[in-house]
Amino acid sequence: MLWTVAGDVRALLMLPAALTMQVAHPAIGAGVDDHSVFRTDPWGRGERSLRSLQLWIYGGEAAAEEGRRLRALHKEIQGTDAHGRRYHALTPAYYAWVHATGYPVYRHGLRYLARPLTEAQERQLYAEWLQVGRVLGIHDRDMPQTIEEFWPYYRRVLAEEIEATVVVRELIATDQPVPAPDRGPLPVRLALRVLWPLLRGPFLRARAFLTVGLMPPDAREAIGLEWNDAQERRLRRFTRVVRAVVPVLPERLRYLPLARKARQEARREALQEARRGGAGARTGR
């Protein structure tokens, strides 16, 4: 399921909700606040984070190497959170929460952007997400091993640990001094630099709207984020359009680059295997 879901462009709409849930944990929020470049280089950080996530799913042998790289990167991230408590990025409970947020966000977001999952699909998605956790170097003892174990764990974290941290408030703010995008073809970058004073406000409002709207309601409530019926209707109208448009896009527009390349390679290998099988049958093997 992740092979189909994680590389689809609709995943980009769900990622801000997962990130915001992660930094709503005081330790993780403090780590990002103290050590991340999300304020000074938001586009570069976003690009690197997206590439990393895609490697977990589509990287093949490179996936495990990426997991090791991330753990090495986080070894020196430590400090004190807003409550005066010491934190370290690789504390198992904190690292596992970063991973855990992906499952409820995918499950909730797909209801709007694709279709609700069946119970069997939910279990399959969770089993695959556990495998992603292992790629990241998280031990099984630090992750709920079944859906039945996951939901009590998830509700406990929401009830006892999550809050509207400084980073959460920044991620949903609509008046932040975000620099113009600096990725993509030069003509596009130049145009965006000129138009950014006009585009920044609408971009931030759209980001905040989708972040809160595609976040599971129980997480939204635990953090203290407001959401009303009018916003819900707007979200449903928007996602109806997305559900109609994205599935008919050509693969080069529907899937992100790493996902598209992996899917093409998988098809090529399957075709070669089928040809070898056909050749074997013709020679009586």
Protein backbone atom coordinates (compact mmCIF):
# COMPACT_ATOMS: atom_id res chain seq x y z
CA MET A 1 0.00 0.00 0.00
CA LEU A 2 2.81 2.42 0.82
CA TRP A 3 4.31 1.76 -2.62
CA THR A 4 1.14 3.32 -4.07
CA VAL A 5 0.34 5.93 -1.42
CA ALA A 6 3.63 7.43 -0.29
CA GLY A 7 4.82 8.57 -3.73
CA ASP A 8 1.49 9.94 -4.92
CA VAL A 9 1.44 13.75 -5.04
CA ARG A 10 -1.50 13.67 -2.62
CA ALA A 11 0.94 12.60 0.07
CA LEU A 12 2.39 16.12 -0.08
CA LEU A 13 -0.91 17.45 1.25
CA MET A 14 -0.79 15.11 4.26
CA LEU A 15 2.82 15.64 5.31
CA PRO A 16 2.33 19.00 7.10
CA ALA A 17 -0.27 17.42 9.41
CA ALA A 18 2.15 14.64 10.39
CA LEU A 19 5.01 17.09 10.94
CA THR A 20 2.82 19.29 13.12
CA MET A 21 1.75 16.32 15.23
CA GLN A 22 5.40 15.39 15.68
CA VAL A 23 6.51 18.81 16.91
CA ALA A 24 3.47 19.01 19.20
CA HIS A 25 5.46 16.71 21.48
CA PRO A 26 7.47 19.10 23.71
CA ALA A 27 10.75 17.20 23.34
CA ILE A 28 10.51 16.95 19.56
CA GLY A 29 9.29 20.52 19.25
CA ALA A 30 12.25 21.71 21.32
CA GLY A 31 14.67 19.71 19.18
CA VAL A 32 13.31 21.27 16.00
CA ASP A 33 13.21 24.73 17.61
CA ASP A 34 16.81 24.49 18.78
CA HIS A 35 18.50 22.61 15.96
CA SER A 36 16.49 22.75 12.73
CA VAL A 37 16.93 25.18 9.84
CA PHE A 38 13.19 25.18 9.09
CA ARG A 39 13.06 28.97 9.62
CA THR A 40 16.11 29.95 7.57
CA ASP A 41 15.96 27.26 4.87
CA PRO A 42 12.39 25.92 4.81
CA TRP A 43 12.43 24.84 1.17
CA GLY A 44 15.77 23.07 1.41
CA ARG A 45 14.76 21.32 4.61
CA GLY A 46 11.47 20.29 3.05
CA GLU A 47 13.20 18.91 -0.03
CA ARG A 48 15.68 16.91 2.08
CA SER A 49 12.95 15.57 4.35
CA LEU A 50 10.81 14.51 1.39
CA ARG A 51 13.72 12.75 -0.29
CA SER A 52 14.49 10.93 2.94
CA LEU A 53 10.91 9.77 3.36
CA GLN A 54 10.80 8.57 -0.24
CA LEU A 55 13.98 6.58 0.29
CA TRP A 56 12.38 4.71 3.20
CA ILE A 57 9.73 3.38 0.82
CA TYR A 58 11.37 3.27 -2.59
CA GLY A 59 15.09 3.21 -1.85
CA GLY A 60 15.66 -0.53 -1.87
CA GLU A 61 19.07 -1.18 -0.33
CA ALA A 62 19.51 2.57 0.14
CA ALA A 63 16.60 2.62 2.60
CA ALA A 64 18.58 1.02 5.42
CA GLU A 65 21.52 3.31 4.75
CA GLU A 66 19.20 6.31 4.98
CA GLY A 67 17.90 5.02 8.31
CA ARG A 68 21.46 4.79 9.63
CA ARG A 69 22.27 8.27 8.31
CA LEU A 70 19.30 9.76 10.11
CA ARG A 71 20.23 8.15 13.42
CA ALA A 72 23.78 9.44 13.09
CA LEU A 73 22.44 12.90 12.27
CA HIS A 74 20.32 12.93 15.42
CA LYS A 75 23.01 11.72 17.84
CA GLU A 76 24.03 15.23 18.85
CA ILE A 77 20.52 16.70 19.04
CA GLN A 78 19.75 17.28 22.69
CA GLY A 79 18.82 20.08 25.06
CA THR A 80 16.05 21.23 27.37
CA ASP A 81 12.37 21.57 26.41
CA ALA A 82 9.99 24.39 27.35
CA HIS A 83 9.19 22.65 30.66
CA GLY A 84 12.84 22.42 31.69
CA ARG A 85 13.11 18.72 30.94
CA ARG A 86 16.16 17.27 29.24
CA TYR A 87 15.64 15.64 25.84
CA HIS A 88 17.70 13.65 23.35
CA ALA A 89 16.44 13.09 19.81
CA LEU A 90 17.19 9.35 19.92
CA THR A 91 15.29 8.68 23.12
CA PRO A 92 13.21 5.69 21.94
CA ALA A 93 9.84 7.14 22.98
CA TYR A 94 10.50 10.39 21.10
CA TYR A 95 11.94 8.81 17.96
CA ALA A 96 9.07 6.32 17.88
CA TRP A 97 6.47 9.11 18.11
CA VAL A 98 7.94 10.82 15.05
CA HIS A 99 7.44 7.56 13.17
CA ALA A 100 4.04 6.79 14.72
CA THR A 101 2.33 9.94 13.45
CA GLY A 102 2.49 8.74 9.86
CA TYR A 103 -0.05 5.96 10.28
CA PRO A 104 -3.03 7.96 11.67
CA VAL A 105 -2.36 10.79 9.21
CA TYR A 106 -2.33 8.45 6.20
CA ARG A 107 -5.42 6.67 7.49
CA HIS A 108 -7.32 9.92 8.02
CA GLY A 109 -6.05 11.78 4.97
CA LEU A 110 -6.88 8.98 2.56
CA ARG A 111 -10.54 9.24 3.57
CA TYR A 112 -10.58 12.70 2.02
CA LEU A 113 -8.00 12.45 -0.75
CA ALA A 114 -8.65 8.94 -2.05
CA ARG A 115 -11.12 6.61 -0.32
CA PRO A 116 -11.60 5.21 3.20
CA LEU A 117 -9.53 2.12 3.92
CA THR A 118 -11.14 -1.20 4.67
CA GLU A 119 -10.21 -2.91 7.93
CA ALA A 120 -7.91 -5.27 6.02
CA GLN A 121 -6.21 -2.32 4.30
CA GLU A 122 -5.74 -0.53 7.63
CA ARG A 123 -4.00 -3.59 9.03
CA GLN A 124 -1.83 -3.94 5.95
CA LEU A 125 -0.89 -0.27 6.05
CA TYR A 126 0.06 -0.55 9.71
CA ALA A 127 2.16 -3.67 9.07
CA GLU A 128 4.01 -1.83 6.30
CA TRP A 129 4.48 1.23 8.51
CA LEU A 130 6.07 -1.00 11.15
CA GLN A 131 8.56 -2.08 8.52
CA VAL A 132 9.36 1.58 7.88
CA GLY A 133 10.04 1.92 11.61
CA ARG A 134 12.53 -0.94 11.40
CA VAL A 135 14.20 0.77 8.44
CA LEU A 136 14.62 3.79 10.72
CA GLY A 137 16.28 1.63 13.36
CA ILE A 138 13.38 1.59 15.82
CA HIS A 139 13.17 -1.63 17.82
CA ASP A 140 9.94 -3.62 17.80
CA ARG A 141 9.74 -3.26 21.58
CA ASP A 142 9.38 0.51 21.11
CA MET A 143 6.52 0.28 18.56
CA PRO A 144 3.02 -1.12 19.14
CA GLN A 145 3.00 -4.33 17.12
CA THR A 146 -0.70 -4.38 16.21
CA ILE A 147 -3.48 -1.90 15.59
CA GLU A 148 -5.08 -3.06 18.83
CA GLU A 149 -1.91 -1.99 20.66
CA PHE A 150 -1.44 1.17 18.62
CA TRP A 151 -4.64 3.02 19.43
CA PRO A 152 -4.31 2.96 23.27
CA TYR A 153 -0.69 4.10 22.89
CA TYR A 154 -1.71 6.86 20.49
CA ARG A 155 -4.54 8.09 22.71
CA ARG A 156 -2.25 8.11 25.75
CA VAL A 157 0.33 10.30 23.99
CA LEU A 158 -2.42 12.69 22.85
CA ALA A 159 -3.88 12.90 26.35
CA GLU A 160 -0.67 13.19 28.33
CA GLU A 161 2.10 14.67 26.20
CA ILE A 162 0.88 16.72 23.22
CA GLU A 163 0.51 20.50 23.30
CA ALA A 164 0.64 23.59 21.10
CA THR A 165 4.40 24.12 21.15
CA VAL A 166 6.16 27.17 19.76
CA VAL A 167 6.93 25.28 16.55
CA VAL A 168 3.31 24.15 16.15
CA ARG A 169 2.15 27.75 16.37
CA GLU A 170 4.69 28.80 13.76
CA LEU A 171 3.70 26.02 11.36
CA ILE A 172 0.06 27.10 11.35
CA ALA A 173 0.71 30.85 11.48
CA THR A 174 -0.34 32.90 8.47
CA ASP A 175 1.99 35.86 9.05
CA GLN A 176 5.45 34.25 9.15
CA PRO A 177 8.35 35.75 7.13
CA VAL A 178 8.81 32.67 4.93
CA PRO A 179 11.40 33.26 2.16
CA ALA A 180 10.47 32.77 -1.48
CA PRO A 181 10.92 29.23 -2.88
CA ASP A 182 14.48 28.67 -4.07
CA ARG A 183 14.08 25.28 -5.76
CA GLY A 184 13.15 24.39 -9.33
CA PRO A 185 14.00 25.88 -12.75
CA LEU A 186 15.62 29.30 -12.73
CA PRO A 187 12.75 31.09 -14.55
CA VAL A 188 10.29 29.73 -12.00
CA ARG A 189 12.48 30.79 -9.08
CA LEU A 190 12.85 34.30 -10.49
CA ALA A 191 9.13 34.64 -11.07
CA LEU A 192 8.33 33.45 -7.57
CA ARG A 193 10.86 35.83 -6.06
CA VAL A 194 9.11 38.75 -7.77
CA LEU A 195 5.59 37.56 -6.96
CA TRP A 196 6.27 36.21 -3.47
CA PRO A 197 5.04 39.33 -1.60
CA LEU A 198 1.63 38.65 -3.17
CA LEU A 199 1.74 34.85 -2.92
CA ARG A 200 3.13 34.41 0.59
CA GLY A 201 -0.13 35.19 2.39
CA PRO A 202 -2.33 32.84 0.32
CA PHE A 203 0.33 30.12 0.56
CA LEU A 204 0.52 30.34 4.36
CA ARG A 205 -3.26 30.34 4.69
CA ALA A 206 -3.55 27.28 2.45
CA ARG A 207 -0.80 25.50 4.37
CA ALA A 208 -2.47 26.17 7.70
CA PHE A 209 -5.88 25.12 6.36
CA LEU A 210 -4.63 21.78 5.03
CA THR A 211 -2.42 21.13 8.05
CA VAL A 212 -5.30 21.43 10.47
CA GLY A 213 -7.94 19.97 8.17
CA LEU A 214 -6.05 16.78 7.29
CA MET A 215 -4.96 16.17 10.86
CA PRO A 216 -6.96 13.47 12.68
CA PRO A 217 -9.65 15.23 14.75
CA ASP A 218 -8.49 13.71 18.04
CA ALA A 219 -4.96 15.04 17.47
CA ARG A 220 -6.34 18.41 16.43
CA GLU A 221 -8.36 18.58 19.64
CA ALA A 222 -5.43 17.46 21.81
CA ILE A 223 -3.22 20.22 20.43
CA GLY A 224 -6.01 22.78 20.76
CA LEU A 225 -6.39 23.71 17.09
CA GLU A 226 -9.68 25.25 16.00
CA TRP A 227 -11.78 23.78 13.20
CA ASN A 228 -15.38 24.62 12.34
CA ASP A 229 -18.16 23.32 10.10
CA ALA A 230 -17.54 25.91 7.40
CA GLN A 231 -13.88 24.89 7.18
CA GLU A 232 -14.90 21.25 7.01
CA ARG A 233 -17.21 21.96 4.06
CA ARG A 234 -14.42 23.83 2.27
CA LEU A 235 -12.05 20.93 2.84
CA ARG A 236 -14.56 18.44 1.45
CA ARG A 237 -15.12 20.55 -1.66
CA PHE A 238 -11.39 20.85 -2.24
CA THR A 239 -10.68 17.16 -1.72
CA ARG A 240 -13.52 16.15 -4.08
CA VAL A 241 -11.65 17.98 -6.83
CA VAL A 242 -8.37 16.32 -5.83
CA ARG A 243 -10.00 12.86 -5.88
CA ALA A 244 -11.34 13.51 -9.37
CA VAL A 245 -8.20 15.02 -10.90
CA VAL A 246 -5.17 13.18 -9.51
CA PRO A 247 -6.08 9.60 -10.54
CA VAL A 248 -6.33 10.62 -14.21
CA LEU A 249 -2.97 12.41 -14.30
CA PRO A 250 -0.13 10.78 -16.22
CA GLU A 251 2.38 9.00 -14.01
CA ARG A 252 5.02 11.69 -14.50
CA LEU A 253 2.67 14.20 -12.84
CA ARG A 254 1.00 11.91 -10.33
CA TYR A 255 4.11 10.41 -8.70
CA LEU A 256 7.13 12.07 -7.13
CA PRO A 257 10.48 11.48 -8.88
CA LEU A 258 11.92 8.73 -6.66
CA ALA A 259 8.61 6.90 -6.60
CA ARG A 260 8.19 7.21 -10.36
CA LYS A 261 11.68 5.86 -11.00
CA ALA A 262 11.16 2.93 -8.62
CA ARG A 263 7.83 2.05 -10.19
CA GLN A 264 9.33 2.15 -13.68
CA GLU A 265 12.21 -0.09 -12.62
CA ALA A 266 9.80 -2.55 -10.97
CA ARG A 267 7.75 -2.79 -14.15
CA ARG A 268 10.88 -3.29 -16.23
CA GLU A 269 12.10 -6.07 -13.94
CA ALA A 270 8.67 -7.73 -13.99
CA LEU A 271 8.63 -7.60 -17.80
CA GLN A 272 12.11 -9.11 -17.99
CA GLU A 273 11.11 -11.86 -15.58
CA ALA A 274 8.01 -12.59 -17.65
CA ARG A 275 10.12 -12.82 -20.81
CA ARG A 276 12.56 -15.18 -19.12
CA GLY A 277 9.63 -17.29 -17.97
CA GLY A 278 8.19 -17.37 -21.49
CA ALA A 279 11.55 -18.30 -22.96
CA GLY A 280 11.91 -21.08 -20.40
CA ALA A 281 8.50 -22.47 -21.27
CA ARG A 282 9.29 -22.49 -25.00
CA THR A 283 12.51 -24.44 -24.43
CA GLY A 284 10.74 -26.93 -22.20
CA ARG A 285 12.45 -25.85 -18.97
